[in-house]
Amino acid sequence: MKYEMRLHDEPFQLIKNGTKTIEMRLNDEKRRVLKKGDIIEFQNRKTKEKIETKIIDLHYFHNFDELYQMFDKEKIGYLKDEVADSKDMELYYSKEEQKQYGVVGIEIELL
């Protein structure tokens, strides 16, 4: 299957250059259908550019705190000199939503 997701410019560029290999999302109804081998087309919200990636693994957690503990910060979209803080994800997903759905780390490779 092929799915479409939109991204802000910075994470889009990090996936495009191969640095970010884990896309973090709420494990809601839209994400529960994802499977290894599926294709995700990411669209840059700013430029409308598109790239295709393949799902190579799916990692499930109760919340972003757990996810952040499992992965190197560069793989989830931080630069070497940045501090990785799971609270950053609360800009997109509340603690209540995380508790209700859990979260998923979508491990991808650029096609």
PDB file of N, CA and C in Angstrom:
ATOM      1  N   MET A   1       0.843  -1.182   0.000  1.00  0.00           N
ATOM      2  CA  MET A   1       0.000   0.000   0.000  1.00  0.00           C
ATOM      3  C   MET A   1       0.884   1.240   0.000  1.00  0.00           C
ATOM      4  N   LYS A   2       0.307   2.308  -0.481  1.00  0.00           N
ATOM      5  CA  LYS A   2       1.001   3.590  -0.507  1.00  0.00           C
ATOM      6  C   LYS A   2       0.175   4.605   0.278  1.00  0.00           C
ATOM      7  N   TYR A   3       0.852   5.340   1.154  1.00  0.00           N
ATOM      8  CA  TYR A   3       0.201   6.340   1.990  1.00  0.00           C
ATOM      9  C   TYR A   3       0.864   7.692   1.783  1.00  0.00           C
ATOM     10  N   GLU A   4       0.114   8.746   2.057  1.00  0.00           N
ATOM     11  CA  GLU A   4       0.641  10.102   1.945  1.00  0.00           C
ATOM     12  C   GLU A   4       0.636  10.749   3.317  1.00  0.00           C
ATOM     13  N   MET A   5       1.726  11.454   3.630  1.00  0.00           N
ATOM     14  CA  MET A   5       1.830  12.205   4.877  1.00  0.00           C
ATOM     15  C   MET A   5       2.510  13.529   4.561  1.00  0.00           C
ATOM     16  N   ARG A   6       2.121  14.547   5.298  1.00  0.00           N
ATOM     17  CA  ARG A   6       2.733  15.854   5.104  1.00  0.00           C
ATOM     18  C   ARG A   6       3.704  16.143   6.247  1.00  0.00           C
ATOM     19  N   LEU A   7       4.770  16.880   5.906  1.00  0.00           N
ATOM     20  CA  LEU A   7       5.796  17.218   6.888  1.00  0.00           C
ATOM     21  C   LEU A   7       6.195  18.679   6.749  1.00  0.00           C
ATOM     22  N   HIS A   8       6.609  19.260   7.862  1.00  0.00           N
ATOM     23  CA  HIS A   8       7.212  20.584   7.813  1.00  0.00           C
ATOM     24  C   HIS A   8       8.558  20.477   7.103  1.00  0.00           C
ATOM     25  N   ASP A   9       9.075  21.605   6.662  1.00  0.00           N
ATOM     26  CA  ASP A   9      10.282  21.624   5.836  1.00  0.00           C
ATOM     27  C   ASP A   9      11.488  20.966   6.502  1.00  0.00           C
ATOM     28  N   GLU A  10      11.753  21.280   7.768  1.00  0.00           N
ATOM     29  CA  GLU A  10      12.967  20.756   8.402  1.00  0.00           C
ATOM     30  C   GLU A  10      12.995  19.230   8.480  1.00  0.00           C
ATOM     31  N   PRO A  11      11.955  18.565   9.033  1.00  0.00           N
ATOM     32  CA  PRO A  11      12.010  17.093   9.044  1.00  0.00           C
ATOM     33  C   PRO A  11      12.001  16.497   7.641  1.00  0.00           C
ATOM     34  N   PHE A  12      11.321  17.156   6.706  1.00  0.00           N
ATOM     35  CA  PHE A  12      11.321  16.682   5.320  1.00  0.00           C
ATOM     36  C   PHE A  12      12.751  16.648   4.777  1.00  0.00           C
ATOM     37  N   GLN A  13      13.491  17.731   4.988  1.00  0.00           N
ATOM     38  CA  GLN A  13      14.866  17.816   4.491  1.00  0.00           C
ATOM     39  C   GLN A  13      15.763  16.775   5.164  1.00  0.00           C
ATOM     40  N   LEU A  14      15.537  16.514   6.450  1.00  0.00           N
ATOM     41  CA  LEU A  14      16.336  15.517   7.166  1.00  0.00           C
ATOM     42  C   LEU A  14      16.072  14.101   6.649  1.00  0.00           C
ATOM     43  N   ILE A  15      14.840  13.820   6.267  1.00  0.00           N
ATOM     44  CA  ILE A  15      14.542  12.514   5.656  1.00  0.00           C
ATOM     45  C   ILE A  15      15.177  12.459   4.274  1.00  0.00           C
ATOM     46  N   LYS A  16      15.037  13.523   3.531  1.00  0.00           N
ATOM     47  CA  LYS A  16      15.580  13.580   2.166  1.00  0.00           C
ATOM     48  C   LYS A  16      17.100  13.367   2.155  1.00  0.00           C
ATOM     49  N   ASN A  17      17.805  13.940   3.150  1.00  0.00           N
ATOM     50  CA  ASN A  17      19.263  13.764   3.160  1.00  0.00           C
ATOM     51  C   ASN A  17      19.710  12.493   3.886  1.00  0.00           C
ATOM     52  N   GLY A  18      18.761  11.695   4.369  1.00  0.00           N
ATOM     53  CA  GLY A  18      19.080  10.396   4.965  1.00  0.00           C
ATOM     54  C   GLY A  18      19.403  10.417   6.443  1.00  0.00           C
ATOM     55  N   THR A  19      19.313  11.570   7.090  1.00  0.00           N
ATOM     56  CA  THR A  19      19.635  11.668   8.513  1.00  0.00           C
ATOM     57  C   THR A  19      18.502  11.138   9.382  1.00  0.00           C
ATOM     58  N   LYS A  20      17.286  11.584   9.116  1.00  0.00           N
ATOM     59  CA  LYS A  20      16.108  11.171   9.897  1.00  0.00           C
ATOM     60  C   LYS A  20      15.558   9.882   9.290  1.00  0.00           C
ATOM     61  N   THR A  21      15.566   8.817  10.081  1.00  0.00           N
ATOM     62  CA  THR A  21      15.087   7.517   9.590  1.00  0.00           C
ATOM     63  C   THR A  21      13.898   6.989  10.395  1.00  0.00           C
ATOM     64  N   ILE A  22      13.489   7.759  11.409  1.00  0.00           N
ATOM     65  CA  ILE A  22      12.321   7.382  12.217  1.00  0.00           C
ATOM     66  C   ILE A  22      11.322   8.536  12.180  1.00  0.00           C
ATOM     67  N   GLU A  23      10.161   8.293  11.612  1.00  0.00           N
ATOM     68  CA  GLU A  23       9.081   9.290  11.635  1.00  0.00           C
ATOM     69  C   GLU A  23       8.189   8.947  12.812  1.00  0.00           C
ATOM     70  N   MET A  24       7.913   9.932  13.659  1.00  0.00           N
ATOM     71  CA  MET A  24       7.142   9.703  14.885  1.00  0.00           C
ATOM     72  C   MET A  24       5.719  10.209  14.700  1.00  0.00           C
ATOM     73  N   ARG A  25       4.766   9.347  15.005  1.00  0.00           N
ATOM     74  CA  ARG A  25       3.357   9.713  14.880  1.00  0.00           C
ATOM     75  C   ARG A  25       2.555   9.093  16.016  1.00  0.00           C
ATOM     76  N   LEU A  26       1.376   9.646  16.217  1.00  0.00           N
ATOM     77  CA  LEU A  26       0.407   9.044  17.113  1.00  0.00           C
ATOM     78  C   LEU A  26      -0.047   7.734  16.463  1.00  0.00           C
ATOM     79  N   ASN A  27      -0.256   6.696  17.239  1.00  0.00           N
ATOM     80  CA  ASN A  27      -0.698   5.419  16.668  1.00  0.00           C
ATOM     81  C   ASN A  27      -2.229   5.381  16.599  1.00  0.00           C
ATOM     82  N   ASP A  28      -2.777   6.350  15.905  1.00  0.00           N
ATOM     83  CA  ASP A  28      -4.232   6.448  15.765  1.00  0.00           C
ATOM     84  C   ASP A  28      -4.716   5.549  14.628  1.00  0.00           C
ATOM     85  N   GLU A  29      -5.986   5.675  14.280  1.00  0.00           N
ATOM     86  CA  GLU A  29      -6.571   4.802  13.259  1.00  0.00           C
ATOM     87  C   GLU A  29      -5.825   4.886  11.928  1.00  0.00           C
ATOM     88  N   LYS A  30      -5.363   6.064  11.556  1.00  0.00           N
ATOM     89  CA  LYS A  30      -4.661   6.228  10.278  1.00  0.00           C
ATOM     90  C   LYS A  30      -3.341   5.473  10.250  1.00  0.00           C
ATOM     91  N   ARG A  31      -2.653   5.399  11.385  1.00  0.00           N
ATOM     92  CA  ARG A  31      -1.340   4.753  11.426  1.00  0.00           C
ATOM     93  C   ARG A  31      -1.418   3.265  11.725  1.00  0.00           C
ATOM     94  N   ARG A  32      -2.530   2.806  12.266  1.00  0.00           N
ATOM     95  CA  ARG A  32      -2.633   1.382  12.615  1.00  0.00           C
ATOM     96  C   ARG A  32      -2.678   0.471  11.399  1.00  0.00           C
ATOM     97  N   VAL A  33      -2.949   1.026  10.238  1.00  0.00           N
ATOM     98  CA  VAL A  33      -3.011   0.198   9.020  1.00  0.00           C
ATOM     99  C   VAL A  33      -1.640   0.029   8.362  1.00  0.00           C
ATOM    100  N   LEU A  34      -0.641   0.766   8.825  1.00  0.00           N
ATOM    101  CA  LEU A  34       0.691   0.693   8.223  1.00  0.00           C
ATOM    102  C   LEU A  34       1.329  -0.668   8.467  1.00  0.00           C
ATOM    103  N   LYS A  35       2.075  -1.133   7.456  1.00  0.00           N
ATOM    104  CA  LYS A  35       2.767  -2.415   7.557  1.00  0.00           C
ATOM    105  C   LYS A  35       4.169  -2.285   6.954  1.00  0.00           C
ATOM    106  N   LYS A  36       5.063  -3.162   7.407  1.00  0.00           N
ATOM    107  CA  LYS A  36       6.400  -3.215   6.803  1.00  0.00           C
ATOM    108  C   LYS A  36       6.244  -3.411   5.302  1.00  0.00           C
ATOM    109  N   GLY A  37       7.061  -2.717   4.536  1.00  0.00           N
ATOM    110  CA  GLY A  37       7.018  -2.839   3.086  1.00  0.00           C
ATOM    111  C   GLY A  37       6.127  -1.815   2.413  1.00  0.00           C
ATOM    112  N   ASP A  38       5.228  -1.181   3.180  1.00  0.00           N
ATOM    113  CA  ASP A  38       4.377  -0.134   2.607  1.00  0.00           C
ATOM    114  C   ASP A  38       5.231   1.070   2.214  1.00  0.00           C
ATOM    115  N   ILE A  39       4.697   1.859   1.312  1.00  0.00           N
ATOM    116  CA  ILE A  39       5.357   3.074   0.831  1.00  0.00           C
ATOM    117  C   ILE A  39       4.658   4.287   1.453  1.00  0.00           C
ATOM    118  N   ILE A  40       5.472   5.239   1.917  1.00  0.00           N
ATOM    119  CA  ILE A  40       4.927   6.516   2.388  1.00  0.00           C
ATOM    120  C   ILE A  40       5.506   7.609   1.503  1.00  0.00           C
ATOM    121  N   GLU A  41       4.614   8.382   0.916  1.00  0.00           N
ATOM    122  CA  GLU A  41       5.035   9.556   0.164  1.00  0.00           C
ATOM    123  C   GLU A  41       4.887  10.763   1.086  1.00  0.00           C
ATOM    124  N   PHE A  42       6.002  11.394   1.391  1.00  0.00           N
ATOM    125  CA  PHE A  42       5.979  12.587   2.228  1.00  0.00           C
ATOM    126  C   PHE A  42       5.945  13.817   1.345  1.00  0.00           C
ATOM    127  N   GLN A  43       5.076  14.758   1.694  1.00  0.00           N
ATOM    128  CA  GLN A  43       5.006  16.020   0.973  1.00  0.00           C
ATOM    129  C   GLN A  43       5.457  17.141   1.902  1.00  0.00           C
ATOM    130  N   ASN A  44       6.347  17.963   1.402  1.00  0.00           N
ATOM    131  CA  ASN A  44       6.828  19.123   2.140  1.00  0.00           C
ATOM    132  C   ASN A  44       5.725  20.169   2.158  1.00  0.00           C
ATOM    133  N   ARG A  45       5.272  20.552   3.348  1.00  0.00           N
ATOM    134  CA  ARG A  45       4.186  21.533   3.484  1.00  0.00           C
ATOM    135  C   ARG A  45       4.547  22.879   2.868  1.00  0.00           C
ATOM    136  N   LYS A  46       5.818  23.228   2.905  1.00  0.00           N
ATOM    137  CA  LYS A  46       6.272  24.536   2.433  1.00  0.00           C
ATOM    138  C   LYS A  46       6.461  24.567   0.915  1.00  0.00           C
ATOM    139  N   THR A  47       7.187  23.574   0.383  1.00  0.00           N
ATOM    140  CA  THR A  47       7.555  23.595  -1.039  1.00  0.00           C
ATOM    141  C   THR A  47       6.668  22.712  -1.917  1.00  0.00           C
ATOM    142  N   LYS A  48       5.897  21.828  -1.296  1.00  0.00           N
ATOM    143  CA  LYS A  48       5.053  20.839  -1.982  1.00  0.00           C
ATOM    144  C   LYS A  48       5.866  19.721  -2.647  1.00  0.00           C
ATOM    145  N   GLU A  49       7.194  19.721  -2.451  1.00  0.00           N
ATOM    146  CA  GLU A  49       8.038  18.656  -2.979  1.00  0.00           C
ATOM    147  C   GLU A  49       7.638  17.331  -2.333  1.00  0.00           C
ATOM    148  N   LYS A  50       7.810  16.236  -3.068  1.00  0.00           N
ATOM    149  CA  LYS A  50       7.453  14.914  -2.559  1.00  0.00           C
ATOM    150  C   LYS A  50       8.648  13.973  -2.647  1.00  0.00           C
ATOM    151  N   ILE A  51       8.742  13.090  -1.656  1.00  0.00           N
ATOM    152  CA  ILE A  51       9.724  12.008  -1.668  1.00  0.00           C
ATOM    153  C   ILE A  51       9.020  10.723  -1.247  1.00  0.00           C
ATOM    154  N   GLU A  52       9.540   9.598  -1.715  1.00  0.00           N
ATOM    155  CA  GLU A  52       8.964   8.306  -1.343  1.00  0.00           C
ATOM    156  C   GLU A  52       9.919   7.554  -0.442  1.00  0.00           C
ATOM    157  N   THR A  53       9.328   6.888   0.549  1.00  0.00           N
ATOM    158  CA  THR A  53      10.087   6.066   1.481  1.00  0.00           C
ATOM    159  C   THR A  53       9.383   4.714   1.628  1.00  0.00           C
ATOM    160  N   LYS A  54      10.149   3.751   2.086  1.00  0.00           N
ATOM    161  CA  LYS A  54       9.605   2.415   2.348  1.00  0.00           C
ATOM    162  C   LYS A  54       9.688   2.148   3.841  1.00  0.00           C
ATOM    163  N   ILE A  55       8.627   1.595   4.415  1.00  0.00           N
ATOM    164  CA  ILE A  55       8.622   1.227   5.836  1.00  0.00           C
ATOM    165  C   ILE A  55       9.439  -0.049   6.003  1.00  0.00           C
ATOM    166  N   ILE A  56      10.490   0.042   6.827  1.00  0.00           N
ATOM    167  CA  ILE A  56      11.292  -1.154   7.077  1.00  0.00           C
ATOM    168  C   ILE A  56      11.020  -1.755   8.453  1.00  0.00           C
ATOM    169  N   ASP A  57      10.393  -0.970   9.341  1.00  0.00           N
ATOM    170  CA  ASP A  57       9.983  -1.515  10.634  1.00  0.00           C
ATOM    171  C   ASP A  57       9.024  -0.537  11.324  1.00  0.00           C
ATOM    172  N   LEU A  58       8.279  -1.041  12.269  1.00  0.00           N
ATOM    173  CA  LEU A  58       7.348  -0.235  13.062  1.00  0.00           C
ATOM    174  C   LEU A  58       7.628  -0.517  14.532  1.00  0.00           C
ATOM    175  N   HIS A  59       7.793   0.543  15.323  1.00  0.00           N
ATOM    176  CA  HIS A  59       8.129   0.427  16.737  1.00  0.00           C
ATOM    177  C   HIS A  59       7.025   1.093  17.555  1.00  0.00           C
ATOM    178  N   TYR A  60       6.409   0.332  18.441  1.00  0.00           N
ATOM    179  CA  TYR A  60       5.252   0.821  19.195  1.00  0.00           C
ATOM    180  C   TYR A  60       5.620   1.123  20.647  1.00  0.00           C
ATOM    181  N   PHE A  61       5.079   2.252  21.157  1.00  0.00           N
ATOM    182  CA  PHE A  61       5.363   2.689  22.522  1.00  0.00           C
ATOM    183  C   PHE A  61       4.102   3.277  23.137  1.00  0.00           C
ATOM    184  N   HIS A  62       4.109   3.387  24.463  1.00  0.00           N
ATOM    185  CA  HIS A  62       2.986   4.008  25.163  1.00  0.00           C
ATOM    186  C   HIS A  62       2.967   5.520  24.958  1.00  0.00           C
ATOM    187  N   ASN A  63       4.154   6.117  24.827  1.00  0.00           N
ATOM    188  CA  ASN A  63       4.240   7.573  24.702  1.00  0.00           C
ATOM    189  C   ASN A  63       5.576   7.949  24.058  1.00  0.00           C
ATOM    190  N   PHE A  64       5.749   9.236  23.799  1.00  0.00           N
ATOM    191  CA  PHE A  64       6.973   9.697  23.156  1.00  0.00           C
ATOM    192  C   PHE A  64       8.174   9.645  24.089  1.00  0.00           C
ATOM    193  N   ASP A  65       7.946   9.692  25.395  1.00  0.00           N
ATOM    194  CA  ASP A  65       9.057   9.538  26.342  1.00  0.00           C
ATOM    195  C   ASP A  65       9.771   8.209  26.088  1.00  0.00           C
ATOM    196  N   GLU A  66       9.008   7.135  25.972  1.00  0.00           N
ATOM    197  CA  GLU A  66       9.582   5.806  25.727  1.00  0.00           C
ATOM    198  C   GLU A  66      10.286   5.760  24.376  1.00  0.00           C
ATOM    199  N   LEU A  67       9.665   6.322  23.361  1.00  0.00           N
ATOM    200  CA  LEU A  67      10.250   6.312  22.021  1.00  0.00           C
ATOM    201  C   LEU A  67      11.592   7.043  22.018  1.00  0.00           C
ATOM    202  N   TYR A  68      11.652   8.202  22.638  1.00  0.00           N
ATOM    203  CA  TYR A  68      12.886   9.000  22.665  1.00  0.00           C
ATOM    204  C   TYR A  68      14.020   8.249  23.359  1.00  0.00           C
ATOM    205  N   GLN A  69      13.697   7.411  24.332  1.00  0.00           N
ATOM    206  CA  GLN A  69      14.727   6.651  25.044  1.00  0.00           C
ATOM    207  C   GLN A  69      15.320   5.535  24.181  1.00  0.00           C
ATOM    208  N   MET A  70      14.585   5.104  23.175  1.00  0.00           N
ATOM    209  CA  MET A  70      15.022   3.964  22.360  1.00  0.00           C
ATOM    210  C   MET A  70      15.897   4.336  21.163  1.00  0.00           C
ATOM    211  N   PHE A  71      15.815   5.575  20.700  1.00  0.00           N
ATOM    212  CA  PHE A  71      16.489   5.922  19.455  1.00  0.00           C
ATOM    213  C   PHE A  71      17.480   7.059  19.605  1.00  0.00           C
ATOM    214  N   ASP A  72      18.530   6.992  18.826  1.00  0.00           N
ATOM    215  CA  ASP A  72      19.491   8.077  18.704  1.00  0.00           C
ATOM    216  C   ASP A  72      18.757   9.325  18.226  1.00  0.00           C
ATOM    217  N   LYS A  73      19.078  10.462  18.799  1.00  0.00           N
ATOM    218  CA  LYS A  73      18.325  11.682  18.504  1.00  0.00           C
ATOM    219  C   LYS A  73      18.377  12.091  17.033  1.00  0.00           C
ATOM    220  N   GLU A  74      19.459  11.798  16.341  1.00  0.00           N
ATOM    221  CA  GLU A  74      19.546  12.155  14.922  1.00  0.00           C
ATOM    222  C   GLU A  74      18.566  11.334  14.080  1.00  0.00           C
ATOM    223  N   LYS A  75      18.347  10.078  14.466  1.00  0.00           N
ATOM    224  CA  LYS A  75      17.416   9.229  13.725  1.00  0.00           C
ATOM    225  C   LYS A  75      15.979   9.735  13.813  1.00  0.00           C
ATOM    226  N   ILE A  76      15.658  10.455  14.924  1.00  0.00           N
ATOM    227  CA  ILE A  76      14.289  10.955  15.081  1.00  0.00           C
ATOM    228  C   ILE A  76      14.144  12.422  14.673  1.00  0.00           C
ATOM    229  N   GLY A  77      15.230  13.005  14.150  1.00  0.00           N
ATOM    230  CA  GLY A  77      15.094  14.329  13.556  1.00  0.00           C
ATOM    231  C   GLY A  77      15.762  15.494  14.252  1.00  0.00           C
ATOM    232  N   TYR A  78      16.668  15.208  15.167  1.00  0.00           N
ATOM    233  CA  TYR A  78      17.408  16.284  15.837  1.00  0.00           C
ATOM    234  C   TYR A  78      18.817  16.361  15.270  1.00  0.00           C
ATOM    235  N   LEU A  79      19.382  17.548  15.316  1.00  0.00           N
ATOM    236  CA  LEU A  79      20.766  17.745  14.917  1.00  0.00           C
ATOM    237  C   LEU A  79      21.678  17.386  16.080  1.00  0.00           C
ATOM    238  N   LYS A  80      22.970  17.116  15.787  1.00  0.00           N
ATOM    239  CA  LYS A  80      23.920  16.706  16.828  1.00  0.00           C
ATOM    240  C   LYS A  80      23.975  17.667  18.001  1.00  0.00           C
ATOM    241  N   ASP A  81      23.874  18.957  17.719  1.00  0.00           N
ATOM    242  CA  ASP A  81      24.020  19.954  18.781  1.00  0.00           C
ATOM    243  C   ASP A  81      22.692  20.349  19.434  1.00  0.00           C
ATOM    244  N   GLU A  82      21.610  19.699  19.052  1.00  0.00           N
ATOM    245  CA  GLU A  82      20.306  19.998  19.640  1.00  0.00           C
ATOM    246  C   GLU A  82      20.001  19.058  20.805  1.00  0.00           C
ATOM    247  N   VAL A  83      19.200  19.537  21.735  1.00  0.00           N
ATOM    248  CA  VAL A  83      18.731  18.716  22.847  1.00  0.00           C
ATOM    249  C   VAL A  83      17.418  18.055  22.421  1.00  0.00           C
ATOM    250  N   ALA A  84      17.356  16.748  22.518  1.00  0.00           N
ATOM    251  CA  ALA A  84      16.137  16.005  22.173  1.00  0.00           C
ATOM    252  C   ALA A  84      15.240  15.937  23.397  1.00  0.00           C
ATOM    253  N   ASP A  85      14.038  16.455  23.276  1.00  0.00           N
ATOM    254  CA  ASP A  85      13.097  16.476  24.388  1.00  0.00           C
ATOM    255  C   ASP A  85      11.739  15.988  23.896  1.00  0.00           C
ATOM    256  N   SER A  86      11.245  14.922  24.494  1.00  0.00           N
ATOM    257  CA  SER A  86       9.972  14.337  24.058  1.00  0.00           C
ATOM    258  C   SER A  86       8.809  15.311  24.205  1.00  0.00           C
ATOM    259  N   LYS A  87       8.946  16.323  25.047  1.00  0.00           N
ATOM    260  CA  LYS A  87       7.895  17.330  25.195  1.00  0.00           C
ATOM    261  C   LYS A  87       7.686  18.111  23.891  1.00  0.00           C
ATOM    262  N   ASP A  88       8.695  18.107  23.012  1.00  0.00           N
ATOM    263  CA  ASP A  88       8.546  18.761  21.711  1.00  0.00           C
ATOM    264  C   ASP A  88       7.360  18.197  20.934  1.00  0.00           C
ATOM    265  N   MET A  89       7.070  16.930  21.120  1.00  0.00           N
ATOM    266  CA  MET A  89       5.978  16.284  20.390  1.00  0.00           C
ATOM    267  C   MET A  89       4.606  16.716  20.899  1.00  0.00           C
ATOM    268  N   GLU A  90       4.560  17.331  22.076  1.00  0.00           N
ATOM    269  CA  GLU A  90       3.290  17.816  22.615  1.00  0.00           C
ATOM    270  C   GLU A  90       2.755  19.013  21.833  1.00  0.00           C
ATOM    271  N   LEU A  91       3.585  19.594  20.970  1.00  0.00           N
ATOM    272  CA  LEU A  91       3.094  20.628  20.053  1.00  0.00           C
ATOM    273  C   LEU A  91       2.096  20.029  19.066  1.00  0.00           C
ATOM    274  N   TYR A  92       2.239  18.735  18.817  1.00  0.00           N
ATOM    275  CA  TYR A  92       1.396  18.046  17.835  1.00  0.00           C
ATOM    276  C   TYR A  92       0.383  17.107  18.484  1.00  0.00           C
ATOM    277  N   TYR A  93       0.808  16.411  19.545  1.00  0.00           N
ATOM    278  CA  TYR A  93      -0.035  15.390  20.163  1.00  0.00           C
ATOM    279  C   TYR A  93      -0.042  15.574  21.680  1.00  0.00           C
ATOM    280  N   SER A  94      -1.210  15.715  22.253  1.00  0.00           N
ATOM    281  CA  SER A  94      -1.324  15.915  23.702  1.00  0.00           C
ATOM    282  C   SER A  94      -0.981  14.629  24.468  1.00  0.00           C
ATOM    283  N   LYS A  95      -0.717  14.794  25.767  1.00  0.00           N
ATOM    284  CA  LYS A  95      -0.477  13.632  26.637  1.00  0.00           C
ATOM    285  C   LYS A  95      -1.707  12.723  26.638  1.00  0.00           C
ATOM    286  N   GLU A  96      -2.897  13.325  26.580  1.00  0.00           N
ATOM    287  CA  GLU A  96      -4.136  12.543  26.567  1.00  0.00           C
ATOM    288  C   GLU A  96      -4.230  11.687  25.304  1.00  0.00           C
ATOM    289  N   GLU A  97      -3.866  12.266  24.165  1.00  0.00           N
ATOM    290  CA  GLU A  97      -3.885  11.498  22.914  1.00  0.00           C
ATOM    291  C   GLU A  97      -2.852  10.378  22.956  1.00  0.00           C
ATOM    292  N   GLN A  98      -1.679  10.664  23.500  1.00  0.00           N
ATOM    293  CA  GLN A  98      -0.653   9.630  23.620  1.00  0.00           C
ATOM    294  C   GLN A  98      -1.146   8.480  24.486  1.00  0.00           C
ATOM    295  N   LYS A  99      -1.817   8.822  25.567  1.00  0.00           N
ATOM    296  CA  LYS A  99      -2.346   7.787  26.476  1.00  0.00           C
ATOM    297  C   LYS A  99      -3.448   6.977  25.788  1.00  0.00           C
ATOM    298  N   GLN A 100      -4.282   7.652  25.014  1.00  0.00           N
ATOM    299  CA  GLN A 100      -5.389   6.974  24.341  1.00  0.00           C
ATOM    300  C   GLN A 100      -4.917   6.043  23.226  1.00  0.00           C
ATOM    301  N   TYR A 101      -3.975   6.507  22.399  1.00  0.00           N
ATOM    302  CA  TYR A 101      -3.588   5.751  21.204  1.00  0.00           C
ATOM    303  C   TYR A 101      -2.220   5.084  21.269  1.00  0.00           C
ATOM    304  N   GLY A 102      -1.325   5.601  22.088  1.00  0.00           N
ATOM    305  CA  GLY A 102       0.059   5.170  22.027  1.00  0.00           C
ATOM    306  C   GLY A 102       0.727   5.875  20.845  1.00  0.00           C
ATOM    307  N   VAL A 103       1.999   5.579  20.631  1.00  0.00           N
ATOM    308  CA  VAL A 103       2.732   6.221  19.546  1.00  0.00           C
ATOM    309  C   VAL A 103       3.475   5.162  18.742  1.00  0.00           C
ATOM    310  N   VAL A 104       3.874   5.546  17.532  1.00  0.00           N
ATOM    311  CA  VAL A 104       4.609   4.631  16.672  1.00  0.00           C
ATOM    312  C   VAL A 104       5.810   5.351  16.077  1.00  0.00           C
ATOM    313  N   GLY A 105       6.929   4.654  16.082  1.00  0.00           N
ATOM    314  CA  GLY A 105       8.121   5.109  15.376  1.00  0.00           C
ATOM    315  C   GLY A 105       8.163   4.348  14.060  1.00  0.00           C
ATOM    316  N   ILE A 106       7.996   5.054  12.972  1.00  0.00           N
ATOM    317  CA  ILE A 106       7.939   4.437  11.648  1.00  0.00           C
ATOM    318  C   ILE A 106       9.359   4.483  11.065  1.00  0.00           C
ATOM    319  N   GLU A 107      10.026   3.342  11.038  1.00  0.00           N
ATOM    320  CA  GLU A 107      11.393   3.295  10.508  1.00  0.00           C
ATOM    321  C   GLU A 107      11.327   3.200   8.989  1.00  0.00           C
ATOM    322  N   ILE A 108      12.000   4.138   8.325  1.00  0.00           N
ATOM    323  CA  ILE A 108      11.877   4.261   6.877  1.00  0.00           C
ATOM    324  C   ILE A 108      13.227   4.294   6.192  1.00  0.00           C
ATOM    325  N   GLU A 109      13.204   3.978   4.902  1.00  0.00           N
ATOM    326  CA  GLU A 109      14.376   4.190   4.055  1.00  0.00           C
ATOM    327  C   GLU A 109      13.908   4.929   2.806  1.00  0.00           C
ATOM    328  N   LEU A 110      14.750   5.828   2.352  1.00  0.00           N
ATOM    329  CA  LEU A 110      14.439   6.629   1.175  1.00  0.00           C
ATOM    330  C   LEU A 110      14.506   5.767  -0.074  1.00  0.00           C
ATOM    331  N   LEU A 111      13.561   5.927  -0.959  1.00  0.00           N
ATOM    332  CA  LEU A 111      13.563   5.187  -2.229  1.00  0.00           C
ATOM    333  C   LEU A 111      14.172   6.030  -3.342  1.00  0.00           C
TER     334      LEU A 111
END
